[in-house]
Amino acid sequence: MRTRQRLTNPSTASIALLVFALGCSRCFATDVNPRYLLINLPAAEIRSETFAKIKSLAGTQPAGAPRLGVGAIISYLRWDPAKSRETLMNLLSLCEHHDLSVIVQLDGEQWWNNRPDLWNWWDPSRPGFNPANVANVERSSWSTDDALKIAWRNWGRQCRVLPPPNLMSQRYREACHIEMKLLLAEIVNWRDRLPPEKKDLLVGVKVGWESAIGMGYHYYPDGNKLLNQDPSNDPEWKTQPHILPGRGFQAIGYAAVSTAGLASEGLLEEKHLAEVIRRHLDDLAAVARASGWPREQIFTHCGGWAEGEMLYKSALNSHSCPGWSFYKFARNPRQDRTAMAAVAASDAPFFAAVEWKPVGARTADDWRDAITNTLTIPKCRYVCIYNWRKLLVHGIAQEGLQLALAAPLPPAKP
């Protein structure tokens, strides 16, 4: 796709751009309520070349324009602690070097491959085996006989994944706390070392990753029987978000609900699952607060797909600011009535479109307008576009970002 060309005269133009950029930097430092346009990066893209390309999207920015930055997910139970720390420190160093703002996204629920000592309850031939680990994984009934050995995920293509964690398991929660505290301390140290003119590089930390039970992970009836069969023969059902609590699949969540003391028999209910996620996110946000973070720099990432479902309000707690994914309504999130009702119910200083892509945007103006529509909702702190790899080959989207970054945002409006 053809993109708009920017002026590159190496003489007077380059000097003018430098002076303008320096002036804008000083203007940014005085913004009392900056709004951020962030781009999500996979771990493999946390490298200087990628940061330079992202930085080039901004050109010169006037005061009041969205601040450009990145988001990156550190899955602290997926890798060993040394790799998690190395990835984090590289991310922060590159953000400081390239003058890009950052939201650090801490995940302990979607990927936990590195902790078989928590999830392996069934296979003595693999590391971490302990039958007691049955308490740390989800179930498809109230009985531990129906503890999961396998689950599936479909983020564009179905794949097999490990069984989801029992979010209320004490051992699981302690594991999350230990890894989170180490990483949060590193970020706080980095924040505190930043010079005054760069303090605003840290947007904050995000906990949760579309937190939900039965979405992100799903399970088929008698799914454990498929564990040793050819994956090519696995069923592929379509998600039905409005059918709760199973969303079109075998319902799970019994382990967390019973561990939380919400129910131990009878029907599994939507309200049970929503309460588990509320407690889960409240706990993670409380760990961040206790690690030296102000509320305005802590964001949750809660699931929410069906209009009116209870899960949206599970994002709200007294320690953080709520956040949700926006795809269908990304071009104008005000049309997402359930999310906006949750925003209205929140007493947090901000909320965020923590995962965002404007489905149906076909022109650069569509992208710019979608960004503007989102960031001008009262209290919206940032938009995080998912994700860089798709933007890299999407000229129209890049041009739309450049348009949004080149002009001051209008005042927030209801």
Protein backbone atom coordinates (compact mmCIF):
# COMPACT_ATOMS: atom_id res chain seq x y z
CA MET A 1 0.00 0.00 0.00
CA ARG A 2 1.22 3.51 -0.74
CA THR A 3 1.74 5.68 2.32
CA ARG A 4 2.08 9.42 2.60
CA GLN A 5 5.62 10.76 2.31
CA ARG A 6 7.12 13.00 4.97
CA LEU A 7 9.47 15.88 4.24
CA THR A 8 13.11 14.70 4.41
CA ASN A 9 15.15 17.68 3.14
CA PRO A 10 18.45 17.22 4.99
CA SER A 11 19.24 20.90 5.44
CA THR A 12 16.90 23.45 6.98
CA ALA A 13 14.02 21.00 7.28
CA SER A 14 15.95 18.59 9.49
CA ILE A 15 17.01 21.43 11.80
CA ALA A 16 13.45 22.69 12.01
CA LEU A 17 12.15 19.21 12.82
CA LEU A 18 14.73 18.79 15.58
CA VAL A 19 13.84 22.11 17.17
CA PHE A 20 10.14 21.31 16.90
CA ALA A 21 10.62 17.87 18.43
CA LEU A 22 12.56 19.29 21.36
CA GLY A 23 9.85 21.86 21.90
CA CYS A 24 7.20 19.15 21.80
CA SER A 25 9.11 17.12 24.36
CA ARG A 26 8.96 20.03 26.77
CA CYS A 27 5.25 20.47 26.04
CA PHE A 28 4.65 16.77 26.71
CA ALA A 29 6.38 17.04 30.06
CA THR A 30 3.80 19.58 31.19
CA ASP A 31 0.74 17.58 30.08
CA VAL A 32 -1.34 16.89 33.17
CA ASN A 33 -3.39 14.12 31.54
CA PRO A 34 -1.47 12.53 28.67
CA ARG A 35 -3.14 9.92 26.49
CA TYR A 36 -1.15 7.13 24.91
CA LEU A 37 -1.21 5.22 21.65
CA LEU A 38 0.65 1.98 22.23
CA ILE A 39 1.54 -0.95 19.96
CA ASN A 40 1.72 -4.46 21.37
CA LEU A 41 4.91 -6.41 20.73
CA PRO A 42 5.56 -10.15 20.92
CA ALA A 43 8.69 -10.99 22.86
CA ALA A 44 10.65 -11.68 19.66
CA GLU A 45 10.14 -8.07 18.55
CA ILE A 46 11.66 -6.52 21.67
CA ARG A 47 14.72 -5.36 19.75
CA SER A 48 16.16 -2.05 18.69
CA GLU A 49 15.23 -2.35 15.00
CA THR A 50 11.55 -2.74 15.86
CA PHE A 51 11.61 0.18 18.28
CA ALA A 52 13.25 2.41 15.67
CA LYS A 53 10.53 1.54 13.15
CA ILE A 54 7.79 2.29 15.66
CA LYS A 55 9.44 5.56 16.66
CA SER A 56 9.54 6.62 13.01
CA LEU A 57 5.72 6.58 12.92
CA ALA A 58 5.54 9.60 15.18
CA GLY A 59 7.44 12.11 13.09
CA THR A 60 7.02 15.46 14.83
CA GLN A 61 4.18 15.78 17.30
CA PRO A 62 2.42 18.85 18.65
CA ALA A 63 1.51 19.18 22.30
CA GLY A 64 -1.72 17.37 23.05
CA ALA A 65 -1.16 14.59 20.51
CA PRO A 66 -1.24 11.00 21.75
CA ARG A 67 2.11 9.81 23.02
CA LEU A 68 3.51 6.88 21.11
CA GLY A 69 4.73 3.78 22.88
CA VAL A 70 4.67 0.02 23.15
CA GLY A 71 3.19 -2.74 25.23
CA ALA A 72 4.79 -6.12 25.80
CA ILE A 73 3.61 -9.23 27.59
CA ILE A 74 5.87 -10.93 30.11
CA SER A 75 4.42 -14.40 30.75
CA TYR A 76 6.24 -15.06 33.99
CA LEU A 77 5.13 -18.70 34.36
CA ARG A 78 5.94 -19.52 30.74
CA TRP A 79 9.67 -18.84 31.00
CA ASP A 80 12.24 -19.34 33.70
CA PRO A 81 12.66 -16.28 35.96
CA ALA A 82 16.00 -15.30 34.43
CA LYS A 83 14.49 -15.06 30.94
CA SER A 84 11.50 -13.08 32.23
CA ARG A 85 13.82 -10.59 33.91
CA GLU A 86 16.10 -10.34 30.89
CA THR A 87 13.14 -9.71 28.58
CA LEU A 88 11.75 -7.06 30.92
CA MET A 89 15.04 -5.21 31.35
CA ASN A 90 15.64 -5.22 27.60
CA LEU A 91 12.15 -3.80 27.06
CA LEU A 92 12.66 -0.99 29.56
CA SER A 93 16.13 -0.13 28.26
CA LEU A 94 14.91 0.12 24.69
CA CYS A 95 11.95 2.29 25.70
CA GLU A 96 14.27 4.70 27.45
CA HIS A 97 16.75 4.73 24.56
CA HIS A 98 14.09 5.31 21.89
CA ASP A 99 11.93 7.59 24.04
CA LEU A 100 8.85 5.38 23.74
CA SER A 101 6.25 5.03 26.47
CA VAL A 102 5.50 1.55 27.81
CA ILE A 103 2.82 -0.54 29.46
CA VAL A 104 4.25 -3.73 30.95
CA GLN A 105 1.74 -6.55 30.72
CA LEU A 106 2.22 -9.32 33.30
CA ASP A 107 0.60 -12.65 32.46
CA GLY A 108 0.36 -15.72 34.64
CA GLU A 109 -2.84 -17.28 33.34
CA GLN A 110 -2.66 -17.81 29.57
CA TRP A 111 0.73 -19.52 29.54
CA TRP A 112 2.30 -21.50 32.40
CA ASN A 113 4.42 -24.05 30.55
CA ASN A 114 7.44 -23.60 32.83
CA ARG A 115 5.56 -24.74 35.93
CA PRO A 116 4.80 -28.46 35.56
CA ASP A 117 5.22 -28.58 39.33
CA LEU A 118 1.84 -26.83 39.38
CA TRP A 119 -0.06 -28.41 36.48
CA ASN A 120 1.26 -31.95 35.98
CA TRP A 121 -1.03 -34.13 38.06
CA TRP A 122 -1.42 -37.03 35.62
CA ASP A 123 1.85 -37.99 33.85
CA PRO A 124 4.66 -39.54 35.96
CA SER A 125 6.94 -39.60 32.91
CA ARG A 126 7.06 -35.80 32.75
CA PRO A 127 8.71 -33.26 35.06
CA GLY A 128 6.78 -31.93 38.04
CA PHE A 129 4.46 -34.89 38.44
CA ASN A 130 2.48 -34.83 41.66
CA PRO A 131 -1.10 -36.13 42.00
CA ALA A 132 -1.77 -33.27 44.43
CA ASN A 133 -1.43 -30.86 41.50
CA VAL A 134 -4.99 -31.82 40.61
CA ALA A 135 -5.97 -28.97 42.94
CA ASN A 136 -4.21 -26.42 40.69
CA VAL A 137 -6.06 -27.10 37.42
CA GLU A 138 -9.61 -26.56 36.26
CA ARG A 139 -12.34 -29.19 36.14
CA SER A 140 -15.42 -29.91 34.04
CA SER A 141 -17.51 -30.95 37.06
CA TRP A 142 -17.46 -30.62 40.85
CA SER A 143 -15.45 -33.86 41.07
CA THR A 144 -11.65 -34.04 40.86
CA ASP A 145 -12.22 -37.07 38.63
CA ASP A 146 -12.95 -34.52 35.90
CA ALA A 147 -9.79 -32.45 36.29
CA LEU A 148 -8.48 -31.33 32.92
CA LYS A 149 -5.34 -32.70 31.27
CA ILE A 150 -5.75 -30.68 28.08
CA ALA A 151 -7.57 -27.64 26.72
CA TRP A 152 -7.81 -25.73 23.47
CA ARG A 153 -7.35 -22.13 22.39
CA ASN A 154 -8.45 -20.34 19.25
CA TRP A 155 -6.84 -16.96 18.64
CA GLY A 156 -7.41 -17.21 14.89
CA ARG A 157 -6.49 -20.89 14.71
CA GLN A 158 -7.26 -23.65 17.17
CA CYS A 159 -4.36 -25.23 19.04
CA ARG A 160 -3.93 -27.49 22.03
CA VAL A 161 -2.78 -25.93 25.30
CA LEU A 162 -2.19 -27.04 28.86
CA PRO A 163 -5.16 -27.27 31.21
CA PRO A 164 -6.07 -23.82 32.59
CA PRO A 165 -5.11 -23.00 36.15
CA ASN A 166 -7.52 -23.09 39.03
CA LEU A 167 -7.36 -19.34 39.60
CA MET A 168 -8.26 -19.74 43.25
CA SER A 169 -5.62 -22.37 44.06
CA GLN A 170 -3.39 -21.11 46.87
CA ARG A 171 -0.23 -22.63 45.37
CA TYR A 172 -0.99 -21.08 41.99
CA ARG A 173 -1.63 -17.67 43.50
CA GLU A 174 1.56 -17.79 45.55
CA ALA A 175 3.54 -18.67 42.41
CA CYS A 176 2.07 -15.64 40.63
CA HIS A 177 2.85 -13.37 43.59
CA ILE A 178 6.48 -14.47 43.79
CA GLU A 179 7.19 -13.86 40.10
CA MET A 180 5.17 -10.64 39.94
CA LYS A 181 6.93 -9.07 42.91
CA LEU A 182 10.36 -9.65 41.38
CA LEU A 183 9.36 -8.03 38.08
CA LEU A 184 7.40 -5.19 39.67
CA ALA A 185 10.40 -4.29 41.81
CA GLU A 186 12.59 -4.07 38.69
CA ILE A 187 10.11 -1.74 36.99
CA VAL A 188 9.84 0.48 40.07
CA ASN A 189 13.64 0.74 40.25
CA TRP A 190 13.76 1.69 36.57
CA ARG A 191 10.97 4.24 37.02
CA ASP A 192 12.69 5.83 39.98
CA ARG A 193 15.99 6.14 38.08
CA LEU A 194 14.44 7.94 35.11
CA PRO A 195 15.32 11.62 34.79
CA PRO A 196 12.43 14.02 35.43
CA GLU A 197 11.86 14.70 31.73
CA LYS A 198 11.34 10.97 31.09
CA LYS A 199 9.16 9.98 34.05
CA ASP A 200 6.13 9.86 31.78
CA LEU A 201 7.62 6.98 29.76
CA LEU A 202 6.04 4.52 32.19
CA VAL A 203 2.33 4.28 31.47
CA GLY A 204 1.98 1.51 34.00
CA VAL A 205 1.53 -2.21 34.48
CA LYS A 206 -1.33 -4.38 33.28
CA VAL A 207 -2.49 -7.49 35.14
CA GLY A 208 -4.68 -10.19 33.62
CA TRP A 209 -4.99 -11.04 29.96
CA GLU A 210 -8.62 -11.16 28.88
CA SER A 211 -9.22 -12.81 32.23
CA ALA A 212 -12.14 -15.21 32.03
CA ILE A 213 -13.00 -18.85 32.52
CA GLY A 214 -13.95 -20.76 29.38
CA MET A 215 -12.61 -18.15 26.94
CA GLY A 216 -8.94 -18.20 26.08
CA TYR A 217 -9.08 -21.80 27.17
CA HIS A 218 -11.99 -24.01 26.09
CA TYR A 219 -12.75 -27.68 26.65
CA TYR A 220 -14.71 -30.27 24.73
CA PRO A 221 -16.89 -32.93 26.38
CA ASP A 222 -14.64 -35.83 27.43
CA GLY A 223 -11.71 -33.80 26.11
CA ASN A 224 -9.17 -35.74 28.18
CA LYS A 225 -9.80 -38.76 25.96
CA LEU A 226 -8.33 -36.82 23.03
CA LEU A 227 -5.00 -36.19 24.77
CA ASN A 228 -3.14 -39.06 23.11
CA GLN A 229 -4.97 -38.93 19.79
CA ASP A 230 -4.03 -37.16 16.58
CA PRO A 231 -4.69 -33.40 17.01
CA SER A 232 -5.80 -33.20 13.40
CA ASN A 233 -8.92 -35.10 14.45
CA ASP A 234 -9.82 -32.69 17.24
CA PRO A 235 -13.28 -31.14 16.99
CA GLU A 236 -13.47 -27.46 16.10
CA TRP A 237 -16.57 -25.83 17.47
CA LYS A 238 -17.50 -22.21 17.06
CA THR A 239 -17.43 -20.09 20.19
CA GLN A 240 -20.84 -18.81 21.25
CA PRO A 241 -20.03 -16.06 23.76
CA HIS A 242 -23.66 -15.40 24.68
CA ILE A 243 -24.28 -18.97 25.89
CA LEU A 244 -23.12 -18.90 29.49
CA PRO A 245 -21.41 -20.37 31.38
CA GLY A 246 -19.85 -22.67 28.76
CA ARG A 247 -19.93 -20.32 25.75
CA GLY A 248 -20.80 -23.21 23.46
CA PHE A 249 -18.31 -25.68 24.97
CA GLN A 250 -18.20 -27.92 28.01
CA ALA A 251 -18.42 -25.56 30.97
CA ILE A 252 -15.36 -25.33 33.21
CA GLY A 253 -14.65 -23.32 36.34
CA TYR A 254 -15.82 -25.81 38.95
CA ALA A 255 -12.39 -25.97 40.59
CA ALA A 256 -12.08 -22.21 41.10
CA VAL A 257 -15.69 -21.79 42.19
CA SER A 258 -15.49 -24.58 44.77
CA THR A 259 -12.04 -23.46 46.04
CA ALA A 260 -13.44 -19.95 46.49
CA GLY A 261 -16.33 -21.35 48.54
CA LEU A 262 -18.95 -20.01 46.15
CA ALA A 263 -20.60 -23.37 45.40
CA SER A 264 -19.77 -27.08 45.51
CA GLU A 265 -22.84 -28.64 43.95
CA GLY A 266 -25.70 -27.82 41.64
CA LEU A 267 -25.47 -25.64 38.57
CA LEU A 268 -22.36 -23.68 37.70
CA GLU A 269 -23.59 -20.11 37.25
CA GLU A 270 -22.37 -17.04 35.39
CA LYS A 271 -22.23 -15.07 38.64
CA HIS A 272 -19.83 -17.64 40.13
CA LEU A 273 -17.36 -17.28 37.27
CA ALA A 274 -17.58 -13.49 37.30
CA GLU A 275 -16.86 -13.41 41.02
CA VAL A 276 -13.80 -15.65 40.60
CA ILE A 277 -12.38 -13.27 37.99
CA ARG A 278 -13.13 -10.27 40.17
CA ARG A 279 -11.19 -11.81 43.04
CA HIS A 280 -8.38 -12.88 40.71
CA LEU A 281 -7.86 -9.39 39.28
CA ASP A 282 -8.35 -7.69 42.64
CA ASP A 283 -5.61 -9.87 44.11
CA LEU A 284 -3.13 -9.22 41.28
CA ALA A 285 -3.79 -5.47 41.43
CA ALA A 286 -3.31 -5.51 45.21
CA VAL A 287 0.12 -7.12 44.73
CA ALA A 288 1.07 -4.28 42.39
CA ARG A 289 -0.16 -1.61 44.83
CA ALA A 290 1.83 -3.19 47.65
CA SER A 291 4.92 -3.12 45.42
CA GLY A 292 4.94 0.67 45.23
CA TRP A 293 2.55 1.45 42.40
CA PRO A 294 -0.12 4.17 42.44
CA ARG A 295 -3.60 3.19 41.34
CA GLU A 296 -3.43 5.31 38.20
CA GLN A 297 -0.57 3.15 36.88
CA ILE A 298 -2.23 -0.24 37.41
CA PHE A 299 -4.67 -1.59 34.82
CA THR A 300 -6.65 -4.81 34.68
CA HIS A 301 -7.44 -6.73 31.51
CA CYS A 302 -10.80 -8.40 31.95
CA GLY A 303 -12.68 -10.47 29.43
CA GLY A 304 -16.14 -9.56 28.19
CA TRP A 305 -17.88 -10.60 24.99
CA ALA A 306 -21.65 -10.80 25.40
CA GLU A 307 -23.81 -7.73 25.87
CA GLY A 308 -24.93 -7.43 29.47
CA GLU A 309 -22.73 -10.18 30.87
CA MET A 310 -21.54 -9.84 34.45
CA LEU A 311 -17.88 -10.39 33.65
CA TYR A 312 -17.26 -6.82 32.48
CA LYS A 313 -17.58 -5.44 35.99
CA SER A 314 -15.07 -7.98 37.31
CA ALA A 315 -12.45 -5.55 36.00
CA LEU A 316 -13.32 -3.07 38.75
CA ASN A 317 -11.51 -2.94 42.07
CA SER A 318 -10.10 -0.36 44.48
CA HIS A 319 -6.46 -0.96 43.53
CA SER A 320 -6.47 -0.35 39.78
CA CYS A 321 -8.07 1.07 36.67
CA PRO A 322 -10.22 -1.23 34.52
CA GLY A 323 -9.46 -2.35 30.99
CA TRP A 324 -11.05 -4.49 28.30
CA SER A 325 -10.47 -5.65 24.74
CA PHE A 326 -12.20 -3.81 21.91
CA TYR A 327 -12.50 -5.30 18.45
CA LYS A 328 -16.09 -5.20 17.23
CA PHE A 329 -16.62 -1.78 18.84
CA ALA A 330 -13.07 -0.46 18.48
CA ARG A 331 -14.06 2.11 15.87
CA ASN A 332 -16.36 3.67 18.47
CA PRO A 333 -16.22 2.02 21.92
CA ARG A 334 -19.05 4.24 23.13
CA GLN A 335 -21.32 1.78 21.30
CA ASP A 336 -20.20 -1.03 23.62
CA ARG A 337 -22.92 -0.38 26.14
CA THR A 338 -21.81 -3.02 28.63
CA ALA A 339 -18.22 -1.79 28.75
CA MET A 340 -19.33 1.83 29.03
CA ALA A 341 -21.70 0.92 31.88
CA ALA A 342 -18.74 -0.64 33.69
CA VAL A 343 -16.67 2.50 33.09
CA ALA A 344 -19.49 4.59 34.54
CA ALA A 345 -19.61 2.34 37.61
CA SER A 346 -15.87 2.67 38.23
CA ASP A 347 -14.40 5.22 40.62
CA ALA A 348 -10.90 4.75 39.14
CA PRO A 349 -9.14 7.77 37.65
CA PHE A 350 -8.76 6.03 34.27
CA PHE A 351 -9.74 3.08 32.13
CA ALA A 352 -8.04 1.72 29.02
CA ALA A 353 -8.64 -0.08 25.74
CA VAL A 354 -5.92 -2.52 26.70
CA GLU A 355 -6.31 -4.69 23.58
CA TRP A 356 -7.66 -2.93 20.54
CA LYS A 357 -8.02 -3.28 16.79
CA PRO A 358 -10.62 -1.42 14.70
CA VAL A 359 -12.29 -4.23 12.81
CA GLY A 360 -13.67 -2.89 9.53
CA ALA A 361 -11.32 0.12 9.27
CA ARG A 362 -10.36 0.27 5.61
CA THR A 363 -8.76 3.68 5.18
CA ALA A 364 -6.18 5.76 7.02
CA ASP A 365 -8.94 8.15 8.03
CA ASP A 366 -10.91 5.22 9.48
CA TRP A 367 -7.93 4.31 11.65
CA ARG A 368 -7.33 7.89 12.76
CA ASP A 369 -11.00 8.38 13.60
CA ALA A 370 -11.13 5.11 15.56
CA ILE A 371 -8.11 6.16 17.62
CA THR A 372 -9.61 9.59 18.24
CA ASN A 373 -13.03 8.17 19.12
CA THR A 374 -11.45 5.90 21.72
CA LEU A 375 -8.97 8.29 23.31
CA THR A 376 -11.56 11.05 23.66
CA ILE A 377 -13.83 8.95 25.87
CA PRO A 378 -13.60 10.50 29.34
CA LYS A 379 -10.93 8.83 31.48
CA CYS A 380 -9.48 6.75 28.63
CA ARG A 381 -5.76 6.60 29.36
CA TYR A 382 -4.46 4.51 26.48
CA VAL A 383 -5.14 2.36 23.46
CA CYS A 384 -2.94 -0.69 22.87
CA ILE A 385 -3.07 -1.93 19.27
CA TYR A 386 -2.77 -5.67 18.71
CA ASN A 387 -0.29 -6.03 17.27
CA TRP A 388 2.96 -4.92 15.63
CA ARG A 389 3.39 -7.87 13.25
CA LYS A 390 0.07 -7.09 11.60
CA LEU A 391 0.77 -3.35 11.50
CA LEU A 392 4.16 -3.99 9.92
CA VAL A 393 2.52 -5.11 6.67
CA HIS A 394 -0.51 -2.83 6.85
CA GLY A 395 0.36 0.46 5.16
CA ILE A 396 -3.11 1.92 5.60
CA ALA A 397 -2.99 1.31 9.35
CA GLN A 398 0.45 2.88 9.64
CA GLU A 399 -0.72 5.94 7.77
CA GLY A 400 -3.73 6.18 10.07
CA LEU A 401 -1.45 6.07 13.10
CA GLN A 402 0.69 8.83 11.63
CA LEU A 403 -2.40 10.98 11.13
CA ALA A 404 -3.51 10.41 14.72
CA LEU A 405 -0.05 11.17 16.09
CA ALA A 406 0.34 14.35 14.05
CA ALA A 407 -2.54 16.32 15.58
CA PRO A 408 -3.67 17.30 19.08
CA LEU A 409 -6.48 15.17 20.42
CA PRO A 410 -9.80 16.95 20.91
CA PRO A 411 -10.94 17.30 24.51
CA ALA A 412 -12.54 14.21 26.04
CA LYS A 413 -16.27 14.06 25.44
CA PRO A 414 -19.03 11.76 26.69
